[in-house]
Protein backbone atom coordinates (compact mmCIF):
# COMPACT_ATOMS: atom_id res chain seq x y z
CA UNK A 1 5.91 24.94 -11.30
CA UNK A 2 7.55 22.78 -14.10
CA UNK A 3 8.32 24.41 -17.22
CA UNK A 4 5.49 24.23 -20.00
CA UNK A 5 5.73 21.53 -22.77
CA UNK A 6 7.48 23.15 -25.73
CA UNK A 7 5.45 22.39 -28.82
CA UNK A 8 6.37 22.46 -32.59
CA UNK A 9 3.13 22.64 -34.65
CA UNK A 10 3.28 21.62 -38.46
CA UNK A 11 0.43 21.97 -40.83
CA UNK A 12 0.32 23.44 -44.41
CA UNK A 13 -2.85 25.48 -43.69
CA UNK A 14 -2.08 28.61 -41.60
CA UNK A 15 -5.74 28.82 -40.35
CA UNK A 16 -5.47 25.27 -38.98
CA UNK A 17 -2.18 26.22 -37.27
CA UNK A 18 -3.77 29.34 -35.79
CA UNK A 19 -6.78 27.51 -34.41
CA UNK A 20 -4.62 24.71 -32.84
CA UNK A 21 -2.38 27.29 -31.40
CA UNK A 22 -5.27 28.94 -29.71
CA UNK A 23 -6.14 25.70 -28.15
CA UNK A 24 -2.64 24.99 -26.86
CA UNK A 25 -1.62 28.41 -25.77
CA UNK A 26 -4.73 28.63 -23.59
CA UNK A 27 -3.27 25.86 -21.38
CA UNK A 28 -0.66 26.82 -18.72
CA UNK A 29 1.36 23.63 -19.30
CA UNK A 30 1.59 24.01 -23.05
CA UNK A 31 3.36 26.57 -25.23
CA UNK A 32 3.91 26.61 -29.07
CA UNK A 33 7.46 27.58 -29.77
CA UNK A 34 7.68 26.89 -33.43
CA UNK A 35 5.51 26.44 -36.52
CA UNK A 36 6.01 24.80 -39.82
CA UNK A 37 4.16 24.58 -43.10
CA UNK A 38 5.54 21.35 -44.38
CA UNK A 39 7.34 18.24 -43.19
CA UNK A 40 10.87 19.28 -44.15
CA UNK A 41 10.43 22.63 -42.45
CA UNK A 42 9.23 20.76 -39.34
CA UNK A 43 12.46 18.88 -39.15
CA UNK A 44 14.38 22.09 -39.50
CA UNK A 45 12.44 23.81 -36.84
CA UNK A 46 12.84 20.83 -34.58
CA UNK A 47 16.55 20.92 -34.94
CA UNK A 48 16.69 24.74 -34.25
CA UNK A 49 14.20 24.97 -31.36
CA UNK A 50 14.42 21.61 -29.69
CA UNK A 51 10.68 21.14 -28.79
CA UNK A 52 9.56 18.61 -26.41
CA UNK A 53 6.56 17.70 -28.48
CA UNK A 54 5.81 17.72 -32.26
CA UNK A 55 2.24 17.87 -33.68
CA UNK A 56 2.32 16.96 -37.23
CA UNK A 57 -0.32 17.04 -39.89
CA UNK A 58 -0.20 13.98 -42.33
CA UNK A 59 -0.94 15.58 -45.58
CA UNK A 60 1.84 18.29 -46.06
CA UNK A 61 4.06 19.22 -48.98
CA UNK A 62 7.77 18.15 -49.40
CA UNK A 63 7.57 15.82 -46.61
CA UNK A 64 4.40 14.19 -45.27
CA UNK A 65 3.70 14.15 -41.45
CA UNK A 66 4.59 10.42 -41.31
CA UNK A 67 7.89 10.90 -43.25
CA UNK A 68 8.78 13.65 -40.92
CA UNK A 69 7.86 11.59 -37.89
CA UNK A 70 10.15 8.84 -39.01
CA UNK A 71 13.09 11.30 -39.50
CA UNK A 72 12.37 13.07 -36.14
CA UNK A 73 12.24 9.74 -34.39
CA UNK A 74 15.68 8.81 -35.73
CA UNK A 75 17.20 12.38 -35.08
CA UNK A 76 15.63 13.18 -31.67
CA UNK A 77 14.58 9.96 -30.05
CA UNK A 78 13.19 11.80 -26.98
CA UNK A 79 10.87 14.00 -28.98
CA UNK A 80 7.27 13.09 -28.46
CA UNK A 81 5.16 13.03 -31.63
CA UNK A 82 1.42 13.41 -32.26
CA UNK A 83 -0.26 13.01 -35.69
CA UNK A 84 -3.02 15.44 -36.34
CA UNK A 85 -5.27 14.61 -39.32
CA UNK A 86 -8.60 14.73 -40.95
CA UNK A 87 -8.42 11.00 -41.97
CA UNK A 88 -9.97 8.43 -39.75
CA UNK A 89 -7.98 5.84 -41.62
CA UNK A 90 -6.63 2.61 -40.29
CA UNK A 91 -3.61 2.53 -42.67
CA UNK A 92 -2.51 5.99 -41.56
CA UNK A 93 -3.02 4.96 -37.97
CA UNK A 94 -0.87 2.08 -38.12
CA UNK A 95 1.66 3.96 -40.16
CA UNK A 96 1.70 6.68 -37.46
CA UNK A 97 2.53 4.05 -34.69
CA UNK A 98 5.33 2.57 -36.92
CA UNK A 99 6.67 6.13 -37.46
CA UNK A 100 7.01 6.54 -33.67
CA UNK A 101 3.90 8.64 -32.96
CA UNK A 102 2.54 8.72 -29.55
CA UNK A 103 -1.08 9.27 -30.67
CA UNK A 104 -3.32 10.02 -33.55
CA UNK A 105 -5.80 12.93 -33.04
CA UNK A 106 -8.66 13.75 -35.51
CA UNK A 107 -9.01 17.41 -36.47
CA UNK A 108 -12.80 17.25 -36.14
CA UNK A 109 -12.46 16.60 -32.43
CA UNK A 110 -9.15 18.51 -31.70
CA UNK A 111 -10.69 20.90 -29.56
CA UNK A 112 -11.83 17.95 -27.29
CA UNK A 113 -8.95 15.60 -27.52
CA UNK A 114 -5.72 17.51 -28.36
CA UNK A 115 -4.79 18.81 -25.09
CA UNK A 116 -5.13 15.46 -23.28
CA UNK A 117 -3.29 13.92 -26.17
CA UNK A 118 -0.37 16.20 -25.57
CA UNK A 119 -0.38 15.53 -21.79
CA UNK A 120 -0.56 11.82 -22.38
CA UNK A 121 2.37 11.89 -24.87
CA UNK A 122 4.48 13.74 -22.40
CA UNK A 123 3.71 11.29 -19.68
CA UNK A 124 4.94 8.61 -22.02
CA UNK A 125 1.49 7.23 -22.70
CA UNK A 126 -0.24 6.59 -25.95
CA UNK A 127 -3.39 8.36 -26.91
CA UNK A 128 -5.87 6.42 -29.09
CA UNK A 129 -9.17 7.71 -30.16
CA UNK A 130 -12.07 5.16 -30.11
CA UNK A 131 -11.82 4.27 -33.77
CA UNK A 132 -8.22 3.61 -33.46
CA UNK A 133 -8.78 1.24 -30.54
CA UNK A 134 -11.30 -0.68 -32.67
CA UNK A 135 -8.74 -0.85 -35.53
CA UNK A 136 -6.19 -2.42 -33.18
CA UNK A 137 -8.75 -4.92 -32.04
CA UNK A 138 -9.72 -5.90 -35.57
CA UNK A 139 -5.92 -6.04 -36.81
CA UNK A 140 -5.10 -8.42 -33.91
CA UNK A 141 -8.09 -10.63 -34.32
CA UNK A 142 -7.71 -10.75 -38.19
CA UNK A 143 -3.99 -11.84 -37.84
CA UNK A 144 -5.00 -14.50 -35.17
CA UNK A 145 -7.98 -15.81 -37.45
CA UNK A 146 -5.69 -15.94 -40.59
CA UNK A 147 -3.06 -17.82 -38.80
CA UNK A 148 -0.58 -15.04 -39.11
CA UNK A 149 2.45 -15.25 -36.83
CA UNK A 150 1.81 -13.38 -33.59
CA UNK A 151 4.54 -11.84 -31.60
CA UNK A 152 6.78 -14.41 -30.12
CA UNK A 153 6.76 -14.62 -26.31
CA UNK A 154 10.21 -13.40 -25.27
CA UNK A 155 9.39 -12.77 -21.63
CA UNK A 156 8.47 -14.77 -18.54
CA UNK A 157 4.91 -15.11 -17.11
CA UNK A 158 5.65 -12.74 -14.26
CA UNK A 159 7.17 -10.24 -16.65
CA UNK A 160 4.10 -10.57 -18.80
CA UNK A 161 1.92 -9.65 -15.74
CA UNK A 162 3.77 -6.68 -15.02
CA UNK A 163 4.09 -5.52 -18.58
CA UNK A 164 0.30 -5.76 -18.93
CA UNK A 165 -0.28 -3.73 -15.73
CA UNK A 166 2.29 -1.08 -16.72
CA UNK A 167 0.60 -0.72 -20.09
CA UNK A 168 -2.65 -0.31 -18.40
CA UNK A 169 -1.20 2.74 -16.48
CA UNK A 170 -0.75 1.30 -13.09
CA UNK A 171 2.12 2.73 -10.86
CA UNK A 172 4.85 0.55 -9.52
CA UNK A 173 3.12 0.81 -6.04
CA UNK A 174 -0.16 -0.29 -7.37
CA UNK A 175 1.52 -3.21 -9.33
CA UNK A 176 3.36 -4.27 -6.04
CA UNK A 177 0.09 -4.20 -4.18
CA UNK A 178 -1.81 -6.18 -6.89
CA UNK A 179 0.83 -8.86 -7.24
CA UNK A 180 1.75 -8.98 -3.51
CA UNK A 181 5.38 -8.24 -4.22
CA UNK A 182 7.71 -5.27 -3.30
CA UNK A 183 8.15 -2.18 -5.31
CA UNK A 184 11.84 -2.91 -5.73
CA UNK A 185 10.87 -6.13 -7.43
CA UNK A 186 8.48 -4.50 -9.70
CA UNK A 187 11.15 -1.95 -10.69
CA UNK A 188 13.52 -4.75 -11.24
CA UNK A 189 11.22 -6.64 -13.54
CA UNK A 190 10.39 -3.50 -15.43
CA UNK A 191 14.06 -2.73 -15.94
CA UNK A 192 14.54 -6.31 -17.28
CA UNK A 193 11.57 -5.91 -19.61
CA UNK A 194 13.06 -2.72 -21.03
CA UNK A 195 16.57 -4.43 -21.55
CA UNK A 196 15.20 -7.72 -22.91
CA UNK A 197 12.80 -6.14 -25.37
CA UNK A 198 15.28 -3.32 -26.28
CA UNK A 199 12.89 -0.65 -25.33
CA UNK A 200 13.40 2.63 -23.64
CA UNK A 201 10.25 3.75 -21.77
CA UNK A 202 6.64 3.24 -20.63
CA UNK A 203 5.35 4.29 -24.04
CA UNK A 204 7.33 1.72 -25.91
CA UNK A 205 6.24 -0.96 -23.37
CA UNK A 206 2.71 -0.11 -23.99
CA UNK A 207 3.23 -0.34 -27.85
CA UNK A 208 4.75 -3.73 -27.37
CA UNK A 209 1.82 -4.88 -25.02
CA UNK A 210 -0.58 -3.68 -27.90
CA UNK A 211 1.26 -5.70 -30.60
CA UNK A 212 1.29 -8.68 -28.30
CA UNK A 213 -2.38 -8.50 -27.62
CA UNK A 214 -1.87 -8.22 -23.84
CA UNK A 215 -3.98 -5.15 -23.08
CA UNK A 216 -7.58 -4.87 -23.68
CA UNK A 217 -8.48 -1.34 -24.88
């Protein structure tokens, strides 16, 4: 069996941390290895304990969860980050994506969504709750309607096809079957995409696809 995902949990309310810890520690593939009461302590604990995943509340003393996420993304690029918040707020959601978060989970439905969000993050996939998906759609449509500049097309049509399918969660074999090409060709296009766009993994490809309006949530 693979080792469980090591989780850092940061929230300034000890009762919230206790409740979230109960949810996570009941899963065999997740284990909380460190807790923090504010954003600055979260950075310290991440440095000391080297978790695989950080779950950060937005509203914390000293450093907010978003500030901590930005710093952790810089210091530990391989660390996956989830934002846990009571705010169903588009501005916070987009700021979380900019800060490098893999997902945005509402505390009100943490018992339902958090475990799957953790697993999605560790697979390199984004986790978006329904309101966040709607926010992405509205944001893109508003930019298109207002004539704002949309992402420039820096990739070929074939690369765009493959990017879209990767972002939708298809495996290389499934993409090869859909496009009637070899798996090796798919992997070559995928490597070219990562190099050309300056990205490092499937999660970042998915973020790019969202920004470019390629995937339909």
